Structure formats: C-alpha cells, structure tokens
N, C-alpha and C. Protein backbone atom coordinates (compact mmCIF):
# COMPACT_ATOMS: atom_id res chain seq x y z
N MET A 1 -19.82 -43.00 50.84
CA MET A 1 -20.96 -43.36 50.03
C MET A 1 -21.46 -44.72 50.51
N ASN A 2 -22.76 -44.80 50.72
CA ASN A 2 -23.32 -46.06 51.21
C ASN A 2 -23.81 -46.95 50.07
N ALA A 3 -24.15 -48.17 50.40
CA ALA A 3 -24.56 -49.15 49.39
C ALA A 3 -25.82 -48.71 48.64
N GLY A 4 -26.73 -48.04 49.33
CA GLY A 4 -27.94 -47.56 48.67
C GLY A 4 -27.63 -46.55 47.58
N MET A 5 -26.68 -45.67 47.86
CA MET A 5 -26.29 -44.66 46.86
C MET A 5 -25.61 -45.32 45.67
N VAL A 6 -24.78 -46.31 45.93
CA VAL A 6 -24.12 -47.04 44.85
C VAL A 6 -25.18 -47.68 43.94
N LEU A 7 -26.17 -48.31 44.54
CA LEU A 7 -27.24 -48.93 43.75
C LEU A 7 -28.05 -47.91 42.98
N LEU A 8 -28.28 -46.75 43.57
CA LEU A 8 -29.04 -45.69 42.89
C LEU A 8 -28.27 -45.15 41.68
N VAL A 9 -26.98 -44.93 41.84
CA VAL A 9 -26.15 -44.48 40.71
C VAL A 9 -26.11 -45.56 39.63
N LEU A 10 -25.99 -46.80 40.04
CA LEU A 10 -25.99 -47.92 39.10
C LEU A 10 -27.30 -47.97 38.31
N ALA A 11 -28.42 -47.83 38.99
CA ALA A 11 -29.72 -47.85 38.31
C ALA A 11 -29.87 -46.66 37.38
N ALA A 12 -29.43 -45.49 37.82
CA ALA A 12 -29.51 -44.30 36.98
C ALA A 12 -28.63 -44.46 35.74
N GLY A 13 -27.47 -45.06 35.90
CA GLY A 13 -26.60 -45.32 34.76
C GLY A 13 -27.24 -46.28 33.77
N ALA A 14 -27.93 -47.28 34.30
CA ALA A 14 -28.63 -48.23 33.42
C ALA A 14 -29.73 -47.53 32.64
N ILE A 15 -30.44 -46.63 33.28
CA ILE A 15 -31.50 -45.86 32.60
C ILE A 15 -30.89 -45.02 31.48
N GLY A 16 -29.77 -44.35 31.77
CA GLY A 16 -29.10 -43.56 30.75
C GLY A 16 -28.62 -44.41 29.59
N ALA A 17 -28.05 -45.57 29.90
CA ALA A 17 -27.54 -46.46 28.85
C ALA A 17 -28.69 -47.01 28.00
N LEU A 18 -29.81 -47.34 28.62
CA LEU A 18 -30.97 -47.81 27.85
C LEU A 18 -31.52 -46.71 26.95
N ALA A 19 -31.52 -45.48 27.45
CA ALA A 19 -31.97 -44.36 26.63
C ALA A 19 -31.03 -44.17 25.43
N ARG A 20 -29.74 -44.30 25.67
CA ARG A 20 -28.77 -44.18 24.57
C ARG A 20 -29.01 -45.27 23.54
N TYR A 21 -29.26 -46.49 24.00
CA TYR A 21 -29.53 -47.60 23.09
C TYR A 21 -30.78 -47.33 22.26
N ALA A 22 -31.82 -46.81 22.90
CA ALA A 22 -33.06 -46.50 22.17
C ALA A 22 -32.82 -45.45 21.09
N VAL A 23 -32.04 -44.43 21.41
CA VAL A 23 -31.72 -43.39 20.42
C VAL A 23 -30.90 -43.99 19.28
N SER A 24 -29.97 -44.87 19.62
CA SER A 24 -29.16 -45.48 18.55
C SER A 24 -30.02 -46.34 17.62
N LEU A 25 -31.04 -46.98 18.15
CA LEU A 25 -31.95 -47.75 17.29
C LEU A 25 -32.76 -46.83 16.38
N LEU A 26 -33.16 -45.68 16.90
CA LEU A 26 -33.93 -44.72 16.09
C LEU A 26 -33.14 -44.19 14.91
N PHE A 27 -31.84 -44.07 15.08
CA PHE A 27 -31.01 -43.47 14.04
C PHE A 27 -30.07 -44.45 13.35
N ALA A 28 -30.34 -45.73 13.49
CA ALA A 28 -29.48 -46.76 12.88
C ALA A 28 -29.47 -46.63 11.36
N GLY A 29 -28.30 -46.83 10.79
CA GLY A 29 -28.16 -46.83 9.34
C GLY A 29 -28.04 -45.47 8.69
N ARG A 30 -27.96 -44.42 9.46
CA ARG A 30 -27.82 -43.07 8.89
C ARG A 30 -26.38 -42.83 8.45
N GLN A 31 -26.21 -41.94 7.50
CA GLN A 31 -24.87 -41.61 7.02
C GLN A 31 -24.08 -40.77 8.02
N PHE A 32 -24.80 -40.02 8.85
CA PHE A 32 -24.16 -39.18 9.86
C PHE A 32 -24.47 -39.77 11.23
N PRO A 33 -23.52 -39.75 12.15
CA PRO A 33 -23.75 -40.34 13.48
C PRO A 33 -24.62 -39.45 14.38
N PHE A 34 -25.89 -39.32 14.00
CA PHE A 34 -26.81 -38.46 14.75
C PHE A 34 -27.08 -38.97 16.17
N ALA A 35 -27.14 -40.28 16.36
CA ALA A 35 -27.49 -40.82 17.67
C ALA A 35 -26.50 -40.35 18.74
N VAL A 36 -25.21 -40.45 18.44
CA VAL A 36 -24.19 -40.04 19.40
C VAL A 36 -24.26 -38.53 19.62
N LEU A 37 -24.46 -37.78 18.56
CA LEU A 37 -24.58 -36.33 18.69
C LEU A 37 -25.75 -35.97 19.61
N ILE A 38 -26.89 -36.59 19.40
CA ILE A 38 -28.08 -36.27 20.21
C ILE A 38 -27.86 -36.61 21.68
N VAL A 39 -27.37 -37.82 21.97
CA VAL A 39 -27.20 -38.17 23.38
C VAL A 39 -26.13 -37.32 24.04
N ASN A 40 -25.11 -36.92 23.30
CA ASN A 40 -24.08 -36.06 23.89
C ASN A 40 -24.61 -34.66 24.16
N ILE A 41 -25.45 -34.14 23.29
CA ILE A 41 -26.05 -32.82 23.52
C ILE A 41 -27.00 -32.87 24.70
N VAL A 42 -27.86 -33.87 24.73
CA VAL A 42 -28.82 -33.99 25.84
C VAL A 42 -28.09 -34.20 27.17
N GLY A 43 -27.08 -35.06 27.17
CA GLY A 43 -26.32 -35.29 28.39
C GLY A 43 -25.56 -34.05 28.85
N SER A 44 -25.04 -33.29 27.90
CA SER A 44 -24.35 -32.05 28.24
C SER A 44 -25.32 -31.02 28.81
N ALA A 45 -26.49 -30.93 28.23
CA ALA A 45 -27.51 -30.01 28.75
C ALA A 45 -27.91 -30.42 30.17
N LEU A 46 -28.10 -31.71 30.37
CA LEU A 46 -28.42 -32.21 31.71
C LEU A 46 -27.31 -31.85 32.69
N GLY A 47 -26.07 -32.02 32.27
CA GLY A 47 -24.95 -31.67 33.13
C GLY A 47 -24.95 -30.20 33.51
N GLY A 48 -25.22 -29.33 32.54
CA GLY A 48 -25.29 -27.90 32.83
C GLY A 48 -26.42 -27.56 33.79
N VAL A 49 -27.57 -28.18 33.59
CA VAL A 49 -28.71 -27.96 34.49
C VAL A 49 -28.37 -28.42 35.90
N VAL A 50 -27.81 -29.61 36.02
CA VAL A 50 -27.46 -30.14 37.34
C VAL A 50 -26.42 -29.26 38.02
N LEU A 51 -25.43 -28.79 37.29
CA LEU A 51 -24.42 -27.89 37.86
C LEU A 51 -25.07 -26.61 38.38
N GLY A 52 -25.94 -26.02 37.57
CA GLY A 52 -26.62 -24.80 38.00
C GLY A 52 -27.47 -25.03 39.24
N LEU A 53 -28.21 -26.13 39.26
CA LEU A 53 -29.05 -26.43 40.43
C LEU A 53 -28.21 -26.72 41.67
N ALA A 54 -27.10 -27.42 41.49
CA ALA A 54 -26.22 -27.72 42.63
C ALA A 54 -25.60 -26.46 43.20
N GLU A 55 -25.23 -25.53 42.34
CA GLU A 55 -24.64 -24.28 42.82
C GLU A 55 -25.64 -23.45 43.62
N ARG A 56 -26.91 -23.56 43.26
CA ARG A 56 -27.95 -22.83 44.00
C ARG A 56 -28.46 -23.63 45.19
N ALA A 57 -27.88 -24.79 45.42
CA ALA A 57 -28.29 -25.69 46.50
C ALA A 57 -29.73 -26.16 46.31
N ALA A 58 -30.19 -26.20 45.07
CA ALA A 58 -31.54 -26.70 44.78
C ALA A 58 -31.56 -28.23 44.77
N ILE A 59 -30.39 -28.85 44.59
CA ILE A 59 -30.25 -30.30 44.72
C ILE A 59 -29.02 -30.57 45.56
N ASP A 60 -29.04 -31.65 46.29
CA ASP A 60 -27.88 -31.96 47.13
C ASP A 60 -26.84 -32.77 46.37
N GLU A 61 -25.74 -33.03 47.03
CA GLU A 61 -24.61 -33.72 46.39
C GLU A 61 -24.97 -35.14 45.93
N ASP A 62 -25.84 -35.80 46.68
CA ASP A 62 -26.25 -37.15 46.28
C ASP A 62 -27.00 -37.13 44.95
N TRP A 63 -27.93 -36.20 44.78
CA TRP A 63 -28.68 -36.12 43.53
C TRP A 63 -27.79 -35.66 42.38
N ARG A 64 -26.85 -34.82 42.69
CA ARG A 64 -25.88 -34.41 41.66
C ARG A 64 -25.12 -35.64 41.15
N LEU A 65 -24.69 -36.48 42.07
CA LEU A 65 -23.98 -37.70 41.71
C LEU A 65 -24.86 -38.64 40.88
N VAL A 66 -26.10 -38.83 41.31
CA VAL A 66 -27.02 -39.72 40.60
C VAL A 66 -27.27 -39.21 39.19
N LEU A 67 -27.53 -37.92 39.06
CA LEU A 67 -27.88 -37.37 37.75
C LEU A 67 -26.68 -37.25 36.81
N LEU A 68 -25.55 -36.80 37.33
CA LEU A 68 -24.37 -36.63 36.47
C LEU A 68 -23.64 -37.94 36.21
N THR A 69 -23.26 -38.62 37.26
CA THR A 69 -22.50 -39.86 37.08
C THR A 69 -23.40 -40.97 36.56
N GLY A 70 -24.61 -41.06 37.10
CA GLY A 70 -25.53 -42.10 36.69
C GLY A 70 -26.17 -41.84 35.35
N VAL A 71 -27.15 -40.95 35.32
CA VAL A 71 -27.93 -40.73 34.10
C VAL A 71 -27.07 -40.19 32.96
N ALA A 72 -26.40 -39.05 33.18
CA ALA A 72 -25.61 -38.45 32.11
C ALA A 72 -24.43 -39.34 31.71
N GLY A 73 -23.81 -39.99 32.70
CA GLY A 73 -22.70 -40.88 32.40
C GLY A 73 -23.12 -42.08 31.57
N GLY A 74 -24.30 -42.61 31.87
CA GLY A 74 -24.81 -43.74 31.09
C GLY A 74 -25.31 -43.33 29.72
N LEU A 75 -25.80 -42.11 29.62
CA LEU A 75 -26.38 -41.62 28.37
C LEU A 75 -25.32 -41.19 27.36
N THR A 76 -24.38 -40.40 27.81
CA THR A 76 -23.39 -39.83 26.89
C THR A 76 -22.31 -40.85 26.58
N THR A 77 -21.58 -40.58 25.51
CA THR A 77 -20.62 -41.58 25.08
C THR A 77 -19.45 -40.97 24.32
N PHE A 78 -18.42 -40.65 25.04
CA PHE A 78 -17.21 -40.13 24.41
C PHE A 78 -16.51 -41.22 23.61
N SER A 79 -16.47 -42.42 24.15
CA SER A 79 -15.75 -43.49 23.48
C SER A 79 -16.38 -43.86 22.14
N THR A 80 -17.70 -43.95 22.10
CA THR A 80 -18.37 -44.27 20.83
C THR A 80 -18.14 -43.16 19.82
N TRP A 81 -18.23 -41.92 20.27
CA TRP A 81 -17.99 -40.78 19.38
C TRP A 81 -16.57 -40.84 18.82
N SER A 82 -15.61 -41.16 19.67
CA SER A 82 -14.22 -41.25 19.23
C SER A 82 -14.04 -42.35 18.19
N VAL A 83 -14.59 -43.52 18.46
CA VAL A 83 -14.46 -44.66 17.55
C VAL A 83 -15.18 -44.37 16.23
N GLU A 84 -16.38 -43.80 16.30
CA GLU A 84 -17.10 -43.47 15.06
C GLU A 84 -16.32 -42.47 14.23
N THR A 85 -15.67 -41.52 14.87
CA THR A 85 -14.87 -40.54 14.15
C THR A 85 -13.69 -41.21 13.45
N VAL A 86 -13.03 -42.12 14.14
CA VAL A 86 -11.93 -42.87 13.53
C VAL A 86 -12.44 -43.70 12.35
N GLN A 87 -13.58 -44.35 12.52
CA GLN A 87 -14.15 -45.15 11.43
C GLN A 87 -14.47 -44.29 10.22
N LEU A 88 -15.03 -43.12 10.45
CA LEU A 88 -15.36 -42.22 9.34
C LEU A 88 -14.08 -41.80 8.59
N VAL A 89 -13.03 -41.50 9.32
CA VAL A 89 -11.76 -41.13 8.69
C VAL A 89 -11.21 -42.31 7.89
N ARG A 90 -11.25 -43.50 8.46
CA ARG A 90 -10.75 -44.69 7.76
C ARG A 90 -11.53 -44.97 6.49
N GLU A 91 -12.81 -44.59 6.47
CA GLU A 91 -13.65 -44.77 5.28
C GLU A 91 -13.47 -43.64 4.28
N GLY A 92 -12.61 -42.68 4.60
CA GLY A 92 -12.37 -41.54 3.72
C GLY A 92 -13.45 -40.47 3.81
N ARG A 93 -14.25 -40.52 4.84
CA ARG A 93 -15.35 -39.55 5.00
C ARG A 93 -14.90 -38.44 5.96
N TRP A 94 -13.88 -37.72 5.51
CA TRP A 94 -13.26 -36.67 6.32
C TRP A 94 -14.22 -35.56 6.69
N ARG A 95 -15.03 -35.12 5.76
CA ARG A 95 -15.97 -34.02 6.05
C ARG A 95 -16.98 -34.43 7.11
N THR A 96 -17.49 -35.64 7.00
CA THR A 96 -18.45 -36.10 8.01
C THR A 96 -17.77 -36.24 9.37
N ALA A 97 -16.55 -36.77 9.40
CA ALA A 97 -15.80 -36.91 10.65
C ALA A 97 -15.55 -35.54 11.28
N PHE A 98 -15.12 -34.59 10.46
CA PHE A 98 -14.85 -33.24 10.96
C PHE A 98 -16.15 -32.58 11.45
N GLY A 99 -17.21 -32.71 10.66
CA GLY A 99 -18.49 -32.13 11.06
C GLY A 99 -19.01 -32.71 12.36
N SER A 100 -18.88 -34.02 12.51
CA SER A 100 -19.31 -34.67 13.74
C SER A 100 -18.49 -34.19 14.93
N ALA A 101 -17.18 -34.11 14.76
CA ALA A 101 -16.31 -33.66 15.84
C ALA A 101 -16.65 -32.23 16.26
N VAL A 102 -16.78 -31.36 15.30
CA VAL A 102 -17.08 -29.96 15.61
C VAL A 102 -18.46 -29.83 16.26
N MET A 103 -19.45 -30.51 15.69
CA MET A 103 -20.80 -30.38 16.23
C MET A 103 -20.90 -30.97 17.64
N ASN A 104 -20.24 -32.10 17.90
CA ASN A 104 -20.27 -32.66 19.25
C ASN A 104 -19.64 -31.70 20.25
N LEU A 105 -18.52 -31.11 19.89
CA LEU A 105 -17.86 -30.18 20.81
C LEU A 105 -18.64 -28.88 20.98
N VAL A 106 -18.98 -28.25 19.89
CA VAL A 106 -19.64 -26.94 19.97
C VAL A 106 -21.05 -27.06 20.56
N LEU A 107 -21.84 -28.01 20.04
CA LEU A 107 -23.20 -28.14 20.54
C LEU A 107 -23.25 -28.74 21.94
N GLY A 108 -22.32 -29.65 22.24
CA GLY A 108 -22.28 -30.22 23.59
C GLY A 108 -21.93 -29.18 24.63
N VAL A 109 -20.87 -28.45 24.40
CA VAL A 109 -20.48 -27.39 25.35
C VAL A 109 -21.55 -26.30 25.38
N GLY A 110 -22.08 -25.96 24.21
CA GLY A 110 -23.15 -24.96 24.16
C GLY A 110 -24.37 -25.38 24.96
N ALA A 111 -24.75 -26.64 24.86
CA ALA A 111 -25.90 -27.15 25.61
C ALA A 111 -25.63 -27.10 27.11
N ALA A 112 -24.40 -27.42 27.51
CA ALA A 112 -24.05 -27.35 28.92
C ALA A 112 -24.13 -25.91 29.44
N VAL A 113 -23.65 -24.98 28.64
CA VAL A 113 -23.70 -23.57 29.02
C VAL A 113 -25.15 -23.10 29.15
N VAL A 114 -25.97 -23.42 28.16
CA VAL A 114 -27.38 -23.01 28.19
C VAL A 114 -28.09 -23.63 29.38
N GLY A 115 -27.88 -24.93 29.62
CA GLY A 115 -28.48 -25.58 30.78
C GLY A 115 -28.06 -24.93 32.08
N TYR A 116 -26.79 -24.61 32.18
CA TYR A 116 -26.28 -23.94 33.39
C TYR A 116 -26.90 -22.56 33.56
N LEU A 117 -26.92 -21.78 32.48
CA LEU A 117 -27.45 -20.42 32.57
C LEU A 117 -28.94 -20.41 32.91
N LEU A 118 -29.67 -21.41 32.46
CA LEU A 118 -31.10 -21.48 32.74
C LEU A 118 -31.39 -21.81 34.21
N THR A 119 -30.44 -22.42 34.88
CA THR A 119 -30.70 -22.86 36.25
C THR A 119 -29.85 -22.20 37.30
N SER A 120 -28.90 -21.37 36.91
CA SER A 120 -28.04 -20.74 37.91
C SER A 120 -28.57 -19.39 38.34
C-alpha cells in the first residue's frame, strides 16, 4: 500500500466520522440510541454493496479498502454501541438495551445482506 492510498483511506475515514457526528447531533437527547443504530445500518448496507460490487469486479481492491475501511469504518461504531448498551443496563433500562442490541444486529446484518444482494 502506498502513501497516497493511506491518505485516501484516512480522508475517507474522516468523512465517515464526520457523518457519524452529524447524525449524533441530529438525534441528541433521545431516549433510544437512534444515532448509533442509523449509522450502523447505513454502514452495514454500504459494506454489503461494496462486497457485492467487489465480487463482480465492478470496483477494485483499492476502492473496496477506501469504502469499507475508510468510509464505513469511520461511520459505524461498535464501541459506542457497546458502551451505550452498558450504560442503558446500568440505568436499569433493560428493554431499551435489549431492543437496541437486537435491532443493531438484525437490521445491520439485514442491511448488509440486502446491499449485497442488490449488487451481486
């Protein structure tokens, strides 16, 4: 991997992280962690689309790296989802924690599958 590719992945990651921040501002103060759910679904869908396109050789390995590691990696957030789930449990909000966990897993994987099927 050359320096130009490293910079491109870095820039793509910054774009994803800024998008995640914008979504978190839109949903600040909500009782349910919608911001993390939305970015995880969108990032999972992007991952599925990129996988499908890469398998058909519609994008090369460099673009796969930029889009998955950069954009999707900067956008999605497993760590924030994990910490928010722990916080919800500590606050006694078990149903919200469980609902968030299930929805992130089911809708995230579902979005990846749909994205993949649409492009493969």
